[in-house]
Amino acid sequence: MIETSAKRATVYFEPALHQAIRLKAAHTNRSISEIVNDAVRFALREDEEDLAAFDKRVAEPLMSYEALLKDLKAHGKL
């Protein structure tokens, strides 16, 4: 359900994406706004989790891509 304090925005979807959202809304008895709000929340939450992981690992030593590949090969993971 949309909050009464919700803000209105104009969003342009690709035709196929719009059709898919409309079908999902009809199939799940939800509004397009609910589906889009949930998708945006999910994307932002995922970003927040990624940033938290970066913050947690900030003290770890840096490793070049080449060194990483060498390490993976040395441990039989590549």
N, C-alpha and C. Protein backbone atom coordinates (compact mmCIF):
# COMPACT_ATOMS: atom_id res chain seq x y z
N MET A 1 0.84 -1.18 0.00
CA MET A 1 0.00 0.00 0.00
C MET A 1 0.89 1.25 0.00
N ILE A 2 0.51 2.25 -0.77
CA ILE A 2 1.28 3.48 -0.88
C ILE A 2 0.96 4.39 0.30
N GLU A 3 2.00 4.96 0.90
CA GLU A 3 1.81 5.88 2.02
C GLU A 3 1.14 7.15 1.54
N THR A 4 0.41 7.81 2.43
CA THR A 4 -0.24 9.06 2.04
C THR A 4 0.78 10.17 1.83
N SER A 5 1.97 10.03 2.37
CA SER A 5 3.01 11.04 2.19
C SER A 5 3.91 10.71 1.00
N ALA A 6 3.51 9.74 0.20
CA ALA A 6 4.32 9.33 -0.96
C ALA A 6 4.46 10.48 -1.93
N LYS A 7 5.60 10.54 -2.60
CA LYS A 7 5.88 11.57 -3.59
C LYS A 7 5.66 11.00 -4.98
N ARG A 8 5.19 11.83 -5.86
CA ARG A 8 4.91 11.43 -7.23
C ARG A 8 6.12 11.74 -8.10
N ALA A 9 6.43 10.82 -9.03
CA ALA A 9 7.53 11.02 -9.96
C ALA A 9 7.14 10.41 -11.31
N THR A 10 7.67 10.97 -12.36
CA THR A 10 7.44 10.41 -13.68
C THR A 10 8.65 9.56 -14.03
N VAL A 11 8.40 8.31 -14.37
CA VAL A 11 9.46 7.38 -14.73
C VAL A 11 9.11 6.79 -16.09
N TYR A 12 10.09 6.73 -16.98
CA TYR A 12 9.87 6.17 -18.30
C TYR A 12 10.50 4.79 -18.38
N PHE A 13 9.70 3.78 -18.70
CA PHE A 13 10.17 2.41 -18.83
C PHE A 13 10.26 2.02 -20.29
N GLU A 14 11.18 1.12 -20.58
CA GLU A 14 11.20 0.51 -21.90
C GLU A 14 9.88 -0.24 -22.05
N PRO A 15 9.31 -0.30 -23.26
CA PRO A 15 8.00 -0.94 -23.43
C PRO A 15 7.91 -2.37 -22.88
N ALA A 16 8.92 -3.19 -23.14
CA ALA A 16 8.88 -4.58 -22.66
C ALA A 16 8.94 -4.64 -21.14
N LEU A 17 9.73 -3.77 -20.54
CA LEU A 17 9.85 -3.73 -19.08
C LEU A 17 8.52 -3.26 -18.47
N HIS A 18 7.92 -2.26 -19.07
CA HIS A 18 6.63 -1.76 -18.58
C HIS A 18 5.57 -2.86 -18.64
N GLN A 19 5.56 -3.61 -19.73
CA GLN A 19 4.61 -4.71 -19.88
C GLN A 19 4.83 -5.77 -18.79
N ALA A 20 6.09 -6.09 -18.55
CA ALA A 20 6.41 -7.09 -17.52
C ALA A 20 5.96 -6.62 -16.14
N ILE A 21 6.18 -5.35 -15.83
CA ILE A 21 5.76 -4.81 -14.53
C ILE A 21 4.24 -4.82 -14.42
N ARG A 22 3.55 -4.44 -15.48
CA ARG A 22 2.09 -4.45 -15.47
C ARG A 22 1.56 -5.86 -15.25
N LEU A 23 2.16 -6.83 -15.93
CA LEU A 23 1.72 -8.22 -15.76
C LEU A 23 1.98 -8.71 -14.34
N LYS A 24 3.15 -8.38 -13.80
CA LYS A 24 3.46 -8.80 -12.43
C LYS A 24 2.48 -8.15 -11.45
N ALA A 25 2.18 -6.88 -11.66
CA ALA A 25 1.23 -6.18 -10.79
C ALA A 25 -0.13 -6.87 -10.83
N ALA A 26 -0.60 -7.20 -12.02
CA ALA A 26 -1.90 -7.85 -12.15
C ALA A 26 -1.88 -9.24 -11.53
N HIS A 27 -0.80 -9.96 -11.76
CA HIS A 27 -0.69 -11.34 -11.25
C HIS A 27 -0.61 -11.39 -9.73
N THR A 28 0.01 -10.38 -9.12
CA THR A 28 0.21 -10.38 -7.67
C THR A 28 -0.77 -9.48 -6.92
N ASN A 29 -1.72 -8.89 -7.65
CA ASN A 29 -2.70 -7.97 -7.05
C ASN A 29 -2.02 -6.82 -6.30
N ARG A 30 -0.95 -6.31 -6.89
CA ARG A 30 -0.23 -5.17 -6.32
C ARG A 30 -0.19 -4.06 -7.36
N SER A 31 0.09 -2.87 -6.91
CA SER A 31 0.19 -1.75 -7.85
C SER A 31 1.59 -1.71 -8.46
N ILE A 32 1.70 -1.04 -9.60
CA ILE A 32 3.01 -0.84 -10.22
C ILE A 32 3.90 -0.07 -9.24
N SER A 33 3.34 0.90 -8.55
CA SER A 33 4.13 1.68 -7.58
C SER A 33 4.72 0.80 -6.49
N GLU A 34 3.94 -0.14 -5.99
CA GLU A 34 4.45 -1.05 -4.95
C GLU A 34 5.61 -1.88 -5.48
N ILE A 35 5.46 -2.38 -6.69
CA ILE A 35 6.52 -3.21 -7.28
C ILE A 35 7.78 -2.39 -7.50
N VAL A 36 7.63 -1.19 -8.04
CA VAL A 36 8.80 -0.33 -8.29
C VAL A 36 9.44 0.09 -6.97
N ASN A 37 8.64 0.46 -5.98
CA ASN A 37 9.20 0.84 -4.67
C ASN A 37 10.00 -0.31 -4.07
N ASP A 38 9.47 -1.53 -4.13
CA ASP A 38 10.18 -2.69 -3.60
C ASP A 38 11.49 -2.93 -4.34
N ALA A 39 11.47 -2.78 -5.67
CA ALA A 39 12.68 -2.98 -6.46
C ALA A 39 13.74 -1.95 -6.13
N VAL A 40 13.34 -0.70 -5.95
CA VAL A 40 14.29 0.36 -5.60
C VAL A 40 14.84 0.12 -4.20
N ARG A 41 13.98 -0.25 -3.26
CA ARG A 41 14.45 -0.56 -1.90
C ARG A 41 15.48 -1.69 -1.93
N PHE A 42 15.20 -2.73 -2.70
CA PHE A 42 16.11 -3.87 -2.81
C PHE A 42 17.46 -3.42 -3.37
N ALA A 43 17.45 -2.61 -4.41
CA ALA A 43 18.70 -2.13 -5.03
C ALA A 43 19.49 -1.27 -4.04
N LEU A 44 18.80 -0.40 -3.31
CA LEU A 44 19.50 0.45 -2.34
C LEU A 44 20.04 -0.36 -1.18
N ARG A 45 19.28 -1.36 -0.73
CA ARG A 45 19.73 -2.22 0.37
C ARG A 45 20.98 -2.99 -0.05
N GLU A 46 20.97 -3.47 -1.29
CA GLU A 46 22.13 -4.20 -1.81
C GLU A 46 23.36 -3.29 -1.86
N ASP A 47 23.17 -2.04 -2.30
CA ASP A 47 24.28 -1.07 -2.30
C ASP A 47 24.79 -0.83 -0.89
N GLU A 48 23.86 -0.70 0.05
CA GLU A 48 24.23 -0.45 1.45
C GLU A 48 25.06 -1.62 2.00
N GLU A 49 24.65 -2.84 1.67
CA GLU A 49 25.40 -4.02 2.11
C GLU A 49 26.79 -4.05 1.49
N ASP A 50 26.89 -3.69 0.21
CA ASP A 50 28.20 -3.64 -0.45
C ASP A 50 29.10 -2.61 0.21
N LEU A 51 28.57 -1.42 0.48
CA LEU A 51 29.37 -0.38 1.11
C LEU A 51 29.82 -0.79 2.51
N ALA A 52 28.94 -1.47 3.24
CA ALA A 52 29.31 -1.94 4.58
C ALA A 52 30.43 -2.97 4.49
N ALA A 53 30.38 -3.83 3.48
CA ALA A 53 31.45 -4.82 3.29
C ALA A 53 32.77 -4.13 2.97
N PHE A 54 32.71 -3.09 2.15
CA PHE A 54 33.93 -2.34 1.84
C PHE A 54 34.50 -1.70 3.10
N ASP A 55 33.63 -1.09 3.90
CA ASP A 55 34.08 -0.45 5.14
C ASP A 55 34.71 -1.47 6.08
N LYS A 56 34.13 -2.66 6.15
CA LYS A 56 34.63 -3.72 7.04
C LYS A 56 36.03 -4.18 6.61
N ARG A 57 36.30 -4.12 5.30
CA ARG A 57 37.56 -4.65 4.78
C ARG A 57 38.59 -3.56 4.46
N VAL A 58 38.33 -2.33 4.89
CA VAL A 58 39.18 -1.21 4.52
C VAL A 58 40.63 -1.38 4.99
N ALA A 59 40.85 -2.10 6.08
CA ALA A 59 42.20 -2.27 6.63
C ALA A 59 42.97 -3.41 5.97
N GLU A 60 42.32 -4.18 5.12
CA GLU A 60 43.00 -5.29 4.47
C GLU A 60 44.03 -4.76 3.47
N PRO A 61 45.12 -5.48 3.30
CA PRO A 61 46.12 -5.02 2.33
C PRO A 61 45.58 -5.11 0.91
N LEU A 62 46.06 -4.21 0.06
CA LEU A 62 45.64 -4.22 -1.34
C LEU A 62 46.38 -5.31 -2.09
N MET A 63 45.73 -5.84 -3.13
CA MET A 63 46.34 -6.87 -3.95
C MET A 63 46.03 -6.54 -5.40
N SER A 64 47.04 -6.58 -6.24
CA SER A 64 46.81 -6.30 -7.66
C SER A 64 46.04 -7.46 -8.29
N TYR A 65 45.45 -7.18 -9.43
CA TYR A 65 44.70 -8.21 -10.15
C TYR A 65 45.62 -9.37 -10.52
N GLU A 66 46.82 -9.03 -10.97
CA GLU A 66 47.79 -10.06 -11.36
C GLU A 66 48.16 -10.93 -10.16
N ALA A 67 48.37 -10.31 -9.00
CA ALA A 67 48.70 -11.06 -7.79
C ALA A 67 47.54 -11.95 -7.36
N LEU A 68 46.33 -11.45 -7.53
CA LEU A 68 45.15 -12.25 -7.20
C LEU A 68 45.08 -13.48 -8.08
N LEU A 69 45.28 -13.31 -9.39
CA LEU A 69 45.26 -14.45 -10.30
C LEU A 69 46.34 -15.47 -9.94
N LYS A 70 47.53 -14.98 -9.62
CA LYS A 70 48.64 -15.86 -9.23
C LYS A 70 48.27 -16.64 -7.98
N ASP A 71 47.67 -15.97 -7.00
CA ASP A 71 47.28 -16.61 -5.75
C ASP A 71 46.20 -17.68 -6.00
N LEU A 72 45.21 -17.36 -6.83
CA LEU A 72 44.16 -18.31 -7.14
C LEU A 72 44.72 -19.54 -7.84
N LYS A 73 45.63 -19.32 -8.77
CA LYS A 73 46.27 -20.46 -9.48
C LYS A 73 47.10 -21.28 -8.52
N ALA A 74 47.83 -20.64 -7.62
CA ALA A 74 48.68 -21.34 -6.66
C ALA A 74 47.85 -22.23 -5.73
N HIS A 75 46.62 -21.83 -5.46
CA HIS A 75 45.78 -22.61 -4.55
C HIS A 75 44.78 -23.49 -5.31
N GLY A 76 44.99 -23.65 -6.62
CA GLY A 76 44.17 -24.55 -7.42
C GLY A 76 42.73 -24.10 -7.61
N LYS A 77 42.49 -22.81 -7.50
CA LYS A 77 41.12 -22.31 -7.64
C LYS A 77 40.87 -21.74 -9.03
N LEU A 78 41.90 -21.73 -9.82
CA LEU A 78 41.76 -21.26 -11.20
C LEU A 78 42.44 -22.20 -12.16
